[in-house]
Amino acid sequence: MRPILLQGHERALTQIKYNREGDLLFSVAKDNVINAWFSHNGERLGTYNGHQGTIWSVDVNSNSTLLISGSADNTARLWNVSDGRLLHSWDTNTAVKCVQFSEDDKYVLLVTEERMGFPGTIVIFAIDPTTPDQSDEPVNVIVPQPSKATVAGWGYLNKYLVVGHENGSISLFDWNTSEVIKSVTDHEAIITDLQFSTDRTYFITSSKDKTARVYDANSLECLKMYSTDTPLNSAAIVPALKEFVVVGGGQEAMNVTTTSQRQGKFECRFFHKIFEDEIGRVRGHFGPINTIAFHPDGKSFSSGGEDGYVRVHHLDPDYFKFKYE
């Protein structure tokens, strides 16, 4: 299974994201460039230039016309996917660490950092795809307490916001009233990633406590747990064909210069979603894996690492013949 190596960034990857059809892949990193790629062959389609700092997060709407990015330059920016035009920029008090379109593309959420006396917030804006003139007046601003938000996503039908916190807790918020519907604390350390199933009825989280967990999106019941021996930065649910999840992470970057690749544990690890057993690993990165995304058809996946590379893996026929016993 020879991966396609995408070399479009000069610094560590922070997030990669497929569009709904899976033909496009977007990547952002600690440099200030957003790259768009054809996922089947790794050809670079274009770049989106304008941010002045680390880009932490990126998302694309359901018909691949609009792209949103969040950056350490204290802005979130809305782009035209096809021609790279900057359509709008929202200014925030601190870095924007997470961005996401709602399921119906009518709203975006921004998770801002807690810094310089400013609280960490979740800011929601309405989106009008018919005009480049977007409102700077937020629909709502939520200040999560007692622990700041690190990741967030829209539940199915925009019913709730699902929020992962620095203290390891997960909360459901009513995004209109800022009310906390429910909160659970199973993880013992910061939540680093949160990705939904295709129908958004359940989701997976990764954490620095070396575990990934699957939760019901309504009840926040922890359904499954996958334990590893390394801090995790990302986790994804395989969307079709197989009942698997894949997780990735590794030793912190400051500690890996004296370790080998094997010791650093820079691997994408596959687990059986139901039985929680590890069934395989994919090696290749020369630093911690920061982000993982699975193609919507379940036949390929991508990983982005501290080494600055995106690796696109088209899965071998043996993968599809594998039977869990």
C-alpha atoms as a PDB file:
ATOM      1  CA  MET A   1       0.000   0.000   0.000  1.00  0.00           C
ATOM      2  CA  ARG A   2       2.207   2.827  -1.264  1.00  0.00           C
ATOM      3  CA  PRO A   3       0.868   6.149  -0.026  1.00  0.00           C
ATOM      4  CA  ILE A   4       0.785   9.334  -2.060  1.00  0.00           C
ATOM      5  CA  LEU A   5       2.911  11.951  -0.293  1.00  0.00           C
ATOM      6  CA  LEU A   6       1.569  15.489  -0.558  1.00  0.00           C
ATOM      7  CA  GLN A   7       4.291  18.088  -0.022  1.00  0.00           C
ATOM      8  CA  GLY A   8       2.511  21.400   0.122  1.00  0.00           C
ATOM      9  CA  HIS A   9       3.342  22.645   3.604  1.00  0.00           C
ATOM     10  CA  GLU A  10       6.539  23.819   5.250  1.00  0.00           C
ATOM     11  CA  ARG A  11       5.414  23.143   8.802  1.00  0.00           C
ATOM     12  CA  ALA A  12       3.377  20.661  10.842  1.00  0.00           C
ATOM     13  CA  LEU A  13      -0.119  19.758   9.639  1.00  0.00           C
ATOM     14  CA  THR A  14      -3.016  20.804  11.864  1.00  0.00           C
ATOM     15  CA  GLN A  15      -6.085  19.486  10.007  1.00  0.00           C
ATOM     16  CA  ILE A  16      -7.125  17.739   6.805  1.00  0.00           C
ATOM     17  CA  LYS A  17     -10.683  17.519   5.513  1.00  0.00           C
ATOM     18  CA  TYR A  18     -12.450  15.767   2.618  1.00  0.00           C
ATOM     19  CA  ASN A  19     -15.443  17.331   0.925  1.00  0.00           C
ATOM     20  CA  ARG A  20     -18.740  15.409   0.917  1.00  0.00           C
ATOM     21  CA  GLU A  21     -18.024  13.555  -2.349  1.00  0.00           C
ATOM     22  CA  GLY A  22     -14.431  12.858  -1.365  1.00  0.00           C
ATOM     23  CA  ASP A  23     -12.865  14.041  -4.624  1.00  0.00           C
ATOM     24  CA  LEU A  24     -11.220  17.023  -2.902  1.00  0.00           C
ATOM     25  CA  LEU A  25      -8.937  17.131   0.119  1.00  0.00           C
ATOM     26  CA  PHE A  26      -8.131  20.343   2.002  1.00  0.00           C
ATOM     27  CA  SER A  27      -5.117  20.684   4.279  1.00  0.00           C
ATOM     28  CA  VAL A  28      -3.946  23.361   6.712  1.00  0.00           C
ATOM     29  CA  ALA A  29      -0.789  23.630   8.776  1.00  0.00           C
ATOM     30  CA  LYS A  30       1.325  25.827  11.032  1.00  0.00           C
ATOM     31  CA  ASP A  31       2.329  27.779   7.961  1.00  0.00           C
ATOM     32  CA  ASN A  32      -0.259  30.238   6.590  1.00  0.00           C
ATOM     33  CA  VAL A  33      -1.444  28.371   3.479  1.00  0.00           C
ATOM     34  CA  ILE A  34      -4.586  26.336   2.770  1.00  0.00           C
ATOM     35  CA  ASN A  35      -4.055  23.696   0.079  1.00  0.00           C
ATOM     36  CA  ALA A  36      -6.677  21.955  -2.050  1.00  0.00           C
ATOM     37  CA  TRP A  37      -5.812  18.576  -3.628  1.00  0.00           C
ATOM     38  CA  PHE A  38      -7.424  15.985  -5.861  1.00  0.00           C
ATOM     39  CA  SER A  39      -7.702  13.053  -3.465  1.00  0.00           C
ATOM     40  CA  HIS A  40      -7.378  10.267  -6.047  1.00  0.00           C
ATOM     41  CA  ASN A  41      -3.921  11.235  -7.319  1.00  0.00           C
ATOM     42  CA  GLY A  42      -2.592  13.927  -4.979  1.00  0.00           C
ATOM     43  CA  GLU A  43      -2.474  16.659  -7.615  1.00  0.00           C
ATOM     44  CA  ARG A  44      -2.595  20.105  -6.071  1.00  0.00           C
ATOM     45  CA  LEU A  45      -5.631  22.010  -7.276  1.00  0.00           C
ATOM     46  CA  GLY A  46      -4.761  25.354  -5.714  1.00  0.00           C
ATOM     47  CA  THR A  47      -3.985  27.395  -2.609  1.00  0.00           C
ATOM     48  CA  TYR A  48      -5.835  29.964  -0.527  1.00  0.00           C
ATOM     49  CA  ASN A  49      -3.507  32.729   0.631  1.00  0.00           C
ATOM     50  CA  GLY A  50      -4.167  35.497   3.125  1.00  0.00           C
ATOM     51  CA  HIS A  51      -3.803  34.260   6.698  1.00  0.00           C
ATOM     52  CA  GLN A  52      -0.896  35.686   8.694  1.00  0.00           C
ATOM     53  CA  GLY A  53      -0.359  32.858  11.163  1.00  0.00           C
ATOM     54  CA  THR A  54      -0.875  29.188  11.943  1.00  0.00           C
ATOM     55  CA  ILE A  55      -4.120  27.881  10.452  1.00  0.00           C
ATOM     56  CA  TRP A  56      -5.665  25.566  13.021  1.00  0.00           C
ATOM     57  CA  SER A  57      -8.837  24.366  11.332  1.00  0.00           C
ATOM     58  CA  VAL A  58     -10.640  24.114   8.001  1.00  0.00           C
ATOM     59  CA  ASP A  59     -14.062  22.950   6.805  1.00  0.00           C
ATOM     60  CA  VAL A  60     -15.929  22.834   3.497  1.00  0.00           C
ATOM     61  CA  ASN A  61     -19.688  23.081   3.001  1.00  0.00           C
ATOM     62  CA  SER A  62     -21.804  20.249   1.622  1.00  0.00           C
ATOM     63  CA  ASN A  63     -21.781  21.331  -2.043  1.00  0.00           C
ATOM     64  CA  SER A  64     -18.090  22.323  -2.035  1.00  0.00           C
ATOM     65  CA  THR A  65     -18.685  25.986  -2.861  1.00  0.00           C
ATOM     66  CA  LEU A  66     -17.529  27.578   0.406  1.00  0.00           C
ATOM     67  CA  LEU A  67     -14.514  26.965   2.612  1.00  0.00           C
ATOM     68  CA  ILE A  68     -13.951  28.299   6.125  1.00  0.00           C
ATOM     69  CA  SER A  69     -10.639  28.495   7.969  1.00  0.00           C
ATOM     70  CA  GLY A  70      -9.626  29.495  11.498  1.00  0.00           C
ATOM     71  CA  SER A  71      -6.214  30.895  12.335  1.00  0.00           C
ATOM     72  CA  ALA A  72      -3.862  32.144  15.035  1.00  0.00           C
ATOM     73  CA  ASP A  73      -4.040  35.569  13.368  1.00  0.00           C
ATOM     74  CA  ASN A  74      -7.362  36.025  15.231  1.00  0.00           C
ATOM     75  CA  THR A  75      -9.530  35.657  12.148  1.00  0.00           C
ATOM     76  CA  ALA A  76     -11.866  33.135  10.581  1.00  0.00           C
ATOM     77  CA  ARG A  77     -12.131  33.470   6.813  1.00  0.00           C
ATOM     78  CA  LEU A  78     -14.707  32.402   4.252  1.00  0.00           C
ATOM     79  CA  TRP A  79     -13.416  31.469   0.793  1.00  0.00           C
ATOM     80  CA  ASN A  80     -14.864  30.668  -2.607  1.00  0.00           C
ATOM     81  CA  VAL A  81     -13.656  27.108  -3.246  1.00  0.00           C
ATOM     82  CA  SER A  82     -13.545  27.268  -7.053  1.00  0.00           C
ATOM     83  CA  ASP A  83     -11.495  30.431  -7.539  1.00  0.00           C
ATOM     84  CA  GLY A  84      -9.847  31.019  -4.153  1.00  0.00           C
ATOM     85  CA  ARG A  85     -11.446  34.430  -3.552  1.00  0.00           C
ATOM     86  CA  LEU A  86     -11.683  35.637   0.033  1.00  0.00           C
ATOM     87  CA  LEU A  87     -15.372  36.357   0.604  1.00  0.00           C
ATOM     88  CA  HIS A  88     -15.398  37.461   4.221  1.00  0.00           C
ATOM     89  CA  SER A  89     -13.224  37.684   7.327  1.00  0.00           C
ATOM     90  CA  TRP A  90     -14.452  37.602  10.930  1.00  0.00           C
ATOM     91  CA  ASP A  91     -12.167  39.183  13.520  1.00  0.00           C
ATOM     92  CA  THR A  92     -11.906  37.617  16.972  1.00  0.00           C
ATOM     93  CA  ASN A  93     -10.062  38.554  20.150  1.00  0.00           C
ATOM     94  CA  THR A  94      -7.914  35.414  20.167  1.00  0.00           C
ATOM     95  CA  ALA A  95      -6.873  32.528  17.913  1.00  0.00           C
ATOM     96  CA  VAL A  96      -9.612  30.492  16.199  1.00  0.00           C
ATOM     97  CA  LYS A  97      -8.872  26.829  16.999  1.00  0.00           C
ATOM     98  CA  CYS A  98     -11.844  25.052  15.378  1.00  0.00           C
ATOM     99  CA  VAL A  99     -14.348  25.872  12.619  1.00  0.00           C
ATOM    100  CA  GLN A 100     -17.280  23.903  11.198  1.00  0.00           C
ATOM    101  CA  PHE A 101     -20.284  24.375   8.919  1.00  0.00           C
ATOM    102  CA  SER A 102     -23.657  23.217  10.182  1.00  0.00           C
ATOM    103  CA  GLU A 103     -25.251  20.253   8.433  1.00  0.00           C
ATOM    104  CA  ASP A 104     -27.518  22.532   6.366  1.00  0.00           C
ATOM    105  CA  ASP A 105     -24.697  25.033   5.619  1.00  0.00           C
ATOM    106  CA  LYS A 106     -26.692  27.884   7.163  1.00  0.00           C
ATOM    107  CA  TYR A 107     -24.351  28.490  10.103  1.00  0.00           C
ATOM    108  CA  VAL A 108     -20.701  28.237  11.081  1.00  0.00           C
ATOM    109  CA  LEU A 109     -19.206  27.826  14.520  1.00  0.00           C
ATOM    110  CA  LEU A 110     -15.837  29.155  15.661  1.00  0.00           C
ATOM    111  CA  VAL A 111     -14.024  27.979  18.789  1.00  0.00           C
ATOM    112  CA  THR A 112     -11.720  30.711  20.093  1.00  0.00           C
ATOM    113  CA  GLU A 113      -8.775  30.328  22.443  1.00  0.00           C
ATOM    114  CA  GLU A 114      -8.645  31.513  26.052  1.00  0.00           C
ATOM    115  CA  ARG A 115      -5.824  34.081  26.049  1.00  0.00           C
ATOM    116  CA  MET A 116      -4.778  37.558  27.269  1.00  0.00           C
ATOM    117  CA  GLY A 117      -7.703  37.920  29.642  1.00  0.00           C
ATOM    118  CA  PHE A 118     -10.263  36.885  27.039  1.00  0.00           C
ATOM    119  CA  PRO A 119     -12.385  33.784  27.755  1.00  0.00           C
ATOM    120  CA  GLY A 120     -12.546  30.887  25.339  1.00  0.00           C
ATOM    121  CA  THR A 121     -15.764  31.104  23.352  1.00  0.00           C
ATOM    122  CA  ILE A 122     -17.910  29.339  20.774  1.00  0.00           C
ATOM    123  CA  VAL A 123     -19.171  31.928  18.296  1.00  0.00           C
ATOM    124  CA  ILE A 124     -21.973  31.142  15.835  1.00  0.00           C
ATOM    125  CA  PHE A 125     -22.550  33.130  12.630  1.00  0.00           C
ATOM    126  CA  ALA A 126     -25.324  32.806  10.051  1.00  0.00           C
ATOM    127  CA  ILE A 127     -24.140  32.176   6.475  1.00  0.00           C
ATOM    128  CA  ASP A 128     -25.852  33.478   3.351  1.00  0.00           C
ATOM    129  CA  PRO A 129     -24.419  31.590   0.334  1.00  0.00           C
ATOM    130  CA  THR A 130     -26.182  33.911  -2.119  1.00  0.00           C
ATOM    131  CA  THR A 131     -24.026  36.928  -1.278  1.00  0.00           C
ATOM    132  CA  PRO A 132     -20.387  37.585  -0.378  1.00  0.00           C
ATOM    133  CA  ASP A 133     -21.577  40.077   2.257  1.00  0.00           C
ATOM    134  CA  GLN A 134     -21.822  38.112   5.493  1.00  0.00           C
ATOM    135  CA  SER A 135     -23.003  39.433   8.847  1.00  0.00           C
ATOM    136  CA  ASP A 136     -20.435  40.326  11.501  1.00  0.00           C
ATOM    137  CA  GLU A 137     -23.109  40.092  14.176  1.00  0.00           C
ATOM    138  CA  PRO A 138     -23.016  36.624  15.792  1.00  0.00           C
ATOM    139  CA  VAL A 139     -26.169  34.611  16.316  1.00  0.00           C
ATOM    140  CA  ASN A 140     -24.834  33.629  19.737  1.00  0.00           C
ATOM    141  CA  VAL A 141     -21.622  33.605  21.760  1.00  0.00           C
ATOM    142  CA  ILE A 142     -21.230  30.751  24.240  1.00  0.00           C
ATOM    143  CA  VAL A 143     -18.628  30.865  27.016  1.00  0.00           C
ATOM    144  CA  PRO A 144     -18.128  27.239  28.149  1.00  0.00           C
ATOM    145  CA  GLN A 145     -17.569  26.815  31.896  1.00  0.00           C
ATOM    146  CA  PRO A 146     -15.646  25.753  33.905  1.00  0.00           C
ATOM    147  CA  SER A 147     -13.245  24.451  31.243  1.00  0.00           C
ATOM    148  CA  LYS A 148     -12.639  26.016  27.845  1.00  0.00           C
ATOM    149  CA  ALA A 149     -13.712  24.302  24.619  1.00  0.00           C
ATOM    150  CA  THR A 150     -11.011  22.736  22.456  1.00  0.00           C
ATOM    151  CA  VAL A 151     -13.186  21.178  19.727  1.00  0.00           C
ATOM    152  CA  ALA A 152     -16.858  21.421  18.772  1.00  0.00           C
ATOM    153  CA  GLY A 153     -19.268  20.153  16.140  1.00  0.00           C
ATOM    154  CA  TRP A 154     -22.902  20.344  15.076  1.00  0.00           C
ATOM    155  CA  GLY A 155     -25.148  17.458  16.046  1.00  0.00           C
ATOM    156  CA  TYR A 156     -27.623  16.026  13.537  1.00  0.00           C
ATOM    157  CA  LEU A 157     -30.228  18.476  12.230  1.00  0.00           C
ATOM    158  CA  ASN A 158     -28.419  21.272  14.132  1.00  0.00           C
ATOM    159  CA  LYS A 159     -30.089  19.967  17.276  1.00  0.00           C
ATOM    160  CA  TYR A 160     -27.170  20.559  19.648  1.00  0.00           C
ATOM    161  CA  LEU A 161     -23.547  21.559  19.685  1.00  0.00           C
ATOM    162  CA  VAL A 162     -21.247  18.782  20.857  1.00  0.00           C
ATOM    163  CA  VAL A 163     -18.258  20.302  22.644  1.00  0.00           C
ATOM    164  CA  GLY A 164     -15.002  18.757  23.869  1.00  0.00           C
ATOM    165  CA  HIS A 165     -13.230  20.539  26.712  1.00  0.00           C
ATOM    166  CA  GLU A 166      -9.692  20.992  27.987  1.00  0.00           C
ATOM    167  CA  ASN A 167     -10.473  19.045  31.179  1.00  0.00           C
ATOM    168  CA  GLY A 168     -11.608  15.972  29.206  1.00  0.00           C
ATOM    169  CA  SER A 169     -15.352  16.538  29.575  1.00  0.00           C
ATOM    170  CA  ILE A 170     -17.864  16.503  26.717  1.00  0.00           C
ATOM    171  CA  SER A 171     -21.004  18.663  26.696  1.00  0.00           C
ATOM    172  CA  LEU A 172     -24.183  19.121  24.707  1.00  0.00           C
ATOM    173  CA  PHE A 173     -25.128  22.796  24.300  1.00  0.00           C
ATOM    174  CA  ASP A 174     -28.363  24.340  23.111  1.00  0.00           C
ATOM    175  CA  TRP A 175     -26.737  26.765  20.689  1.00  0.00           C
ATOM    176  CA  ASN A 176     -29.650  29.213  20.819  1.00  0.00           C
ATOM    177  CA  THR A 177     -29.782  29.631  24.591  1.00  0.00           C
ATOM    178  CA  SER A 178     -26.207  28.620  25.618  1.00  0.00           C
ATOM    179  CA  GLU A 179     -27.772  26.110  28.029  1.00  0.00           C
ATOM    180  CA  VAL A 180     -25.787  22.974  28.849  1.00  0.00           C
ATOM    181  CA  ILE A 181     -28.119  20.052  28.119  1.00  0.00           C
ATOM    182  CA  LYS A 182     -25.788  17.368  29.379  1.00  0.00           C
ATOM    183  CA  SER A 183     -22.136  16.884  30.318  1.00  0.00           C
ATOM    184  CA  VAL A 184     -19.988  13.804  30.965  1.00  0.00           C
ATOM    185  CA  THR A 185     -16.363  13.324  31.956  1.00  0.00           C
ATOM    186  CA  ASP A 186     -14.847  10.025  30.855  1.00  0.00           C
ATOM    187  CA  HIS A 187     -11.555  11.239  29.403  1.00  0.00           C
ATOM    188  CA  GLU A 188      -8.829  12.189  31.873  1.00  0.00           C
ATOM    189  CA  ALA A 189      -7.059  14.769  29.689  1.00  0.00           C
ATOM    190  CA  ILE A 190      -7.691  17.337  26.962  1.00  0.00           C
ATOM    191  CA  ILE A 191      -9.989  16.372  24.052  1.00  0.00           C
ATOM    192  CA  THR A 192      -7.927  16.732  20.861  1.00  0.00           C
ATOM    193  CA  ASP A 193     -10.407  15.733  18.130  1.00  0.00           C
ATOM    194  CA  LEU A 194     -14.098  15.082  17.594  1.00  0.00           C
ATOM    195  CA  GLN A 195     -15.471  13.506  14.402  1.00  0.00           C
ATOM    196  CA  PHE A 196     -19.017  12.409  13.639  1.00  0.00           C
ATOM    197  CA  SER A 197     -20.445   9.349  11.954  1.00  0.00           C
ATOM    198  CA  THR A 198     -22.016   9.972   8.548  1.00  0.00           C
ATOM    199  CA  ASP A 199     -25.506  10.406  10.036  1.00  0.00           C
ATOM    200  CA  ARG A 200     -24.159  12.391  13.041  1.00  0.00           C
ATOM    201  CA  THR A 201     -25.962  10.176  15.552  1.00  0.00           C
ATOM    202  CA  TYR A 202     -22.687   9.174  17.201  1.00  0.00           C
ATOM    203  CA  PHE A 203     -19.154  10.531  17.264  1.00  0.00           C
ATOM    204  CA  ILE A 204     -15.596   9.632  18.231  1.00  0.00           C
ATOM    205  CA  THR A 205     -13.223  11.634  20.409  1.00  0.00           C
ATOM    206  CA  SER A 206      -9.462  11.398  20.891  1.00  0.00           C
ATOM    207  CA  SER A 207      -7.561  12.554  23.941  1.00  0.00           C
ATOM    208  CA  LYS A 208      -4.108  12.998  25.409  1.00  0.00           C
ATOM    209  CA  ASP A 209      -5.129  10.337  27.967  1.00  0.00           C
ATOM    210  CA  LYS A 210      -4.183   7.759  25.274  1.00  0.00           C
ATOM    211  CA  THR A 211      -7.763   6.693  24.554  1.00  0.00           C
ATOM    212  CA  ALA A 212     -10.394   7.281  21.898  1.00  0.00           C
ATOM    213  CA  ARG A 213     -14.080   6.875  22.712  1.00  0.00           C
ATOM    214  CA  VAL A 214     -17.335   6.569  20.775  1.00  0.00           C
ATOM    215  CA  TYR A 215     -20.362   8.406  22.178  1.00  0.00           C
ATOM    216  CA  ASP A 216     -24.056   8.505  21.430  1.00  0.00           C
ATOM    217  CA  ALA A 217     -24.791  12.052  20.217  1.00  0.00           C
ATOM    218  CA  ASN A 218     -28.084  12.319  22.131  1.00  0.00           C
ATOM    219  CA  SER A 219     -27.323  10.766  25.505  1.00  0.00           C
ATOM    220  CA  LEU A 220     -23.513  11.207  25.605  1.00  0.00           C
ATOM    221  CA  GLU A 221     -23.322   7.573  26.668  1.00  0.00           C
ATOM    222  CA  CYS A 222     -19.828   6.202  26.092  1.00  0.00           C
ATOM    223  CA  LEU A 223     -20.413   3.239  23.792  1.00  0.00           C
ATOM    224  CA  LYS A 224     -16.860   2.075  23.052  1.00  0.00           C
ATOM    225  CA  MET A 225     -13.287   2.810  24.152  1.00  0.00           C
ATOM    226  CA  TYR A 226     -10.011   2.172  22.334  1.00  0.00           C
ATOM    227  CA  SER A 227      -6.844   2.207  24.459  1.00  0.00           C
ATOM    228  CA  THR A 228      -3.341   2.881  23.141  1.00  0.00           C
ATOM    229  CA  ASP A 229       0.088   3.541  24.654  1.00  0.00           C
ATOM    230  CA  THR A 230       0.555   7.015  23.207  1.00  0.00           C
ATOM    231  CA  PRO A 231      -1.218  10.393  23.460  1.00  0.00           C
ATOM    232  CA  LEU A 232      -3.807  10.689  20.672  1.00  0.00           C
ATOM    233  CA  ASN A 233      -4.303  13.743  18.462  1.00  0.00           C
ATOM    234  CA  SER A 234      -6.994  12.488  16.074  1.00  0.00           C
ATOM    235  CA  ALA A 235      -9.596   9.769  15.563  1.00  0.00           C
ATOM    236  CA  ALA A 236     -11.941   8.994  12.679  1.00  0.00           C
ATOM    237  CA  ILE A 237     -14.828   6.590  12.074  1.00  0.00           C
ATOM    238  CA  VAL A 238     -14.559   4.507   8.901  1.00  0.00           C
ATOM    239  CA  PRO A 239     -17.721   5.646   7.081  1.00  0.00           C
ATOM    240  CA  ALA A 240     -18.525   2.617   4.928  1.00  0.00           C
ATOM    241  CA  LEU A 241     -17.689  -0.991   4.106  1.00  0.00           C
ATOM    242  CA  LYS A 242     -15.963  -1.859   7.393  1.00  0.00           C
ATOM    243  CA  GLU A 243     -16.796  -1.510  11.103  1.00  0.00           C
ATOM    244  CA  PHE A 244     -13.495   0.142  11.977  1.00  0.00           C
ATOM    245  CA  VAL A 245     -12.128   3.283  13.552  1.00  0.00           C
ATOM    246  CA  VAL A 246      -8.643   4.703  13.078  1.00  0.00           C
ATOM    247  CA  VAL A 247      -6.649   6.745  15.589  1.00  0.00           C
ATOM    248  CA  GLY A 248      -3.297   8.520  15.500  1.00  0.00           C
ATOM    249  CA  GLY A 249      -0.946  10.508  17.675  1.00  0.00           C
ATOM    250  CA  GLY A 250       2.514  10.053  19.102  1.00  0.00           C
ATOM    251  CA  GLN A 251       4.985  11.402  21.557  1.00  0.00           C
ATOM    252  CA  GLU A 252       5.101  15.186  21.809  1.00  0.00           C
ATOM    253  CA  ALA A 253       7.268  16.847  19.177  1.00  0.00           C
ATOM    254  CA  MET A 254       9.741  18.207  21.726  1.00  0.00           C
ATOM    255  CA  ASN A 255      10.537  14.677  22.896  1.00  0.00           C
ATOM    256  CA  VAL A 256      10.869  12.835  19.609  1.00  0.00           C
ATOM    257  CA  THR A 257      14.261  14.071  18.386  1.00  0.00           C
ATOM    258  CA  THR A 258      16.026  11.416  20.423  1.00  0.00           C
ATOM    259  CA  THR A 259      13.678   8.546  19.627  1.00  0.00           C
ATOM    260  CA  SER A 260      13.270   6.288  16.644  1.00  0.00           C
ATOM    261  CA  GLN A 261      10.115   6.184  14.566  1.00  0.00           C
ATOM    262  CA  ARG A 262       9.080   2.972  16.262  1.00  0.00           C
ATOM    263  CA  GLN A 263       9.632   4.363  19.751  1.00  0.00           C
ATOM    264  CA  GLY A 264       7.718   7.499  18.875  1.00  0.00           C
ATOM    265  CA  LYS A 265       4.735   5.360  17.833  1.00  0.00           C
ATOM    266  CA  PHE A 266       3.891   7.478  14.799  1.00  0.00           C
ATOM    267  CA  GLU A 267       1.295   5.102  13.404  1.00  0.00           C
ATOM    268  CA  CYS A 268      -2.313   5.128  12.305  1.00  0.00           C
ATOM    269  CA  ARG A 269      -3.930   2.385  14.341  1.00  0.00           C
ATOM    270  CA  PHE A 270      -7.044   0.559  13.188  1.00  0.00           C
ATOM    271  CA  PHE A 271      -9.487  -0.818  15.759  1.00  0.00           C
ATOM    272  CA  HIS A 272     -12.619  -2.877  15.308  1.00  0.00           C
ATOM    273  CA  LYS A 273     -15.390  -0.425  16.104  1.00  0.00           C
ATOM    274  CA  ILE A 274     -17.591  -2.978  17.910  1.00  0.00           C
ATOM    275  CA  PHE A 275     -15.110  -5.308  19.597  1.00  0.00           C
ATOM    276  CA  GLU A 276     -12.509  -2.633  20.445  1.00  0.00           C
ATOM    277  CA  ASP A 277      -9.572  -4.831  19.354  1.00  0.00           C
ATOM    278  CA  GLU A 278      -6.619  -3.378  17.467  1.00  0.00           C
ATOM    279  CA  ILE A 279      -6.424  -5.019  14.051  1.00  0.00           C
ATOM    280  CA  GLY A 280      -3.628  -3.211  12.230  1.00  0.00           C
ATOM    281  CA  ARG A 281      -1.247  -0.283  11.946  1.00  0.00           C
ATOM    282  CA  VAL A 282      -0.045   1.925   9.126  1.00  0.00           C
ATOM    283  CA  ARG A 283       3.402   3.450   9.592  1.00  0.00           C
ATOM    284  CA  GLY A 284       5.192   6.150   7.655  1.00  0.00           C
ATOM    285  CA  HIS A 285       5.210   9.509   9.404  1.00  0.00           C
ATOM    286  CA  PHE A 286       8.422  10.799  10.980  1.00  0.00           C
ATOM    287  CA  GLY A 287       6.651  12.686  13.744  1.00  0.00           C
ATOM    288  CA  PRO A 288       3.383  12.651  15.667  1.00  0.00           C
ATOM    289  CA  ILE A 289       0.209  12.263  13.610  1.00  0.00           C
ATOM    290  CA  ASN A 290      -1.867  15.404  14.150  1.00  0.00           C
ATOM    291  CA  THR A 291      -4.907  14.759  11.969  1.00  0.00           C
ATOM    292  CA  ILE A 292      -6.702  11.848  10.273  1.00  0.00           C
ATOM    293  CA  ALA A 293      -9.583  11.912   7.795  1.00  0.00           C
ATOM    294  CA  PHE A 294     -11.337   9.031   6.035  1.00  0.00           C
ATOM    295  CA  HIS A 295     -12.668   9.213   2.487  1.00  0.00           C
ATOM    296  CA  PRO A 296     -16.505   9.135   2.458  1.00  0.00           C
ATOM    297  CA  ASP A 297     -16.524   5.915   0.407  1.00  0.00           C
ATOM    298  CA  GLY A 298     -14.357   4.101   2.987  1.00  0.00           C
ATOM    299  CA  LYS A 299     -11.734   3.056   0.410  1.00  0.00           C
ATOM    300  CA  SER A 300      -8.939   5.453   1.340  1.00  0.00           C
ATOM    301  CA  PHE A 301      -7.803   7.723   4.134  1.00  0.00           C
ATOM    302  CA  SER A 302      -5.322  10.524   4.758  1.00  0.00           C
ATOM    303  CA  SER A 303      -3.110  11.481   7.661  1.00  0.00           C
ATOM    304  CA  GLY A 304      -1.204  14.677   8.380  1.00  0.00           C
ATOM    305  CA  GLY A 305       1.809  14.813  10.659  1.00  0.00           C
ATOM    306  CA  GLU A 306       4.257  16.972  12.533  1.00  0.00           C
ATOM    307  CA  ASP A 307       6.697  16.153   9.690  1.00  0.00           C
ATOM    308  CA  GLY A 308       4.747  18.443   7.303  1.00  0.00           C
ATOM    309  CA  TYR A 309       3.512  15.660   5.019  1.00  0.00           C
ATOM    310  CA  VAL A 310       0.023  14.541   4.111  1.00  0.00           C
ATOM    311  CA  ARG A 311      -0.032  10.824   3.313  1.00  0.00           C
ATOM    312  CA  VAL A 312      -2.962   9.586   1.197  1.00  0.00           C
ATOM    313  CA  HIS A 313      -3.473   5.830   1.544  1.00  0.00           C
ATOM    314  CA  HIS A 314      -5.584   3.946  -1.001  1.00  0.00           C
ATOM    315  CA  LEU A 315      -6.368   0.711   0.795  1.00  0.00           C
ATOM    316  CA  ASP A 316      -5.234  -2.645  -0.607  1.00  0.00           C
ATOM    317  CA  PRO A 317      -7.654  -5.399  -1.705  1.00  0.00           C
ATOM    318  CA  ASP A 318      -6.537  -7.400   1.353  1.00  0.00           C
ATOM    319  CA  TYR A 319      -8.095  -4.758   3.575  1.00  0.00           C
ATOM    320  CA  PHE A 320     -11.535  -5.386   2.045  1.00  0.00           C
ATOM    321  CA  LYS A 321     -11.145  -9.183   2.294  1.00  0.00           C
ATOM    322  CA  PHE A 322     -10.221  -9.019   5.968  1.00  0.00           C
ATOM    323  CA  LYS A 323     -12.643 -10.848   8.247  1.00  0.00           C
ATOM    324  CA  TYR A 324     -12.610 -10.345  11.980  1.00  0.00           C
ATOM    325  CA  GLU A 325     -12.678 -13.645  13.889  1.00  0.00           C
END
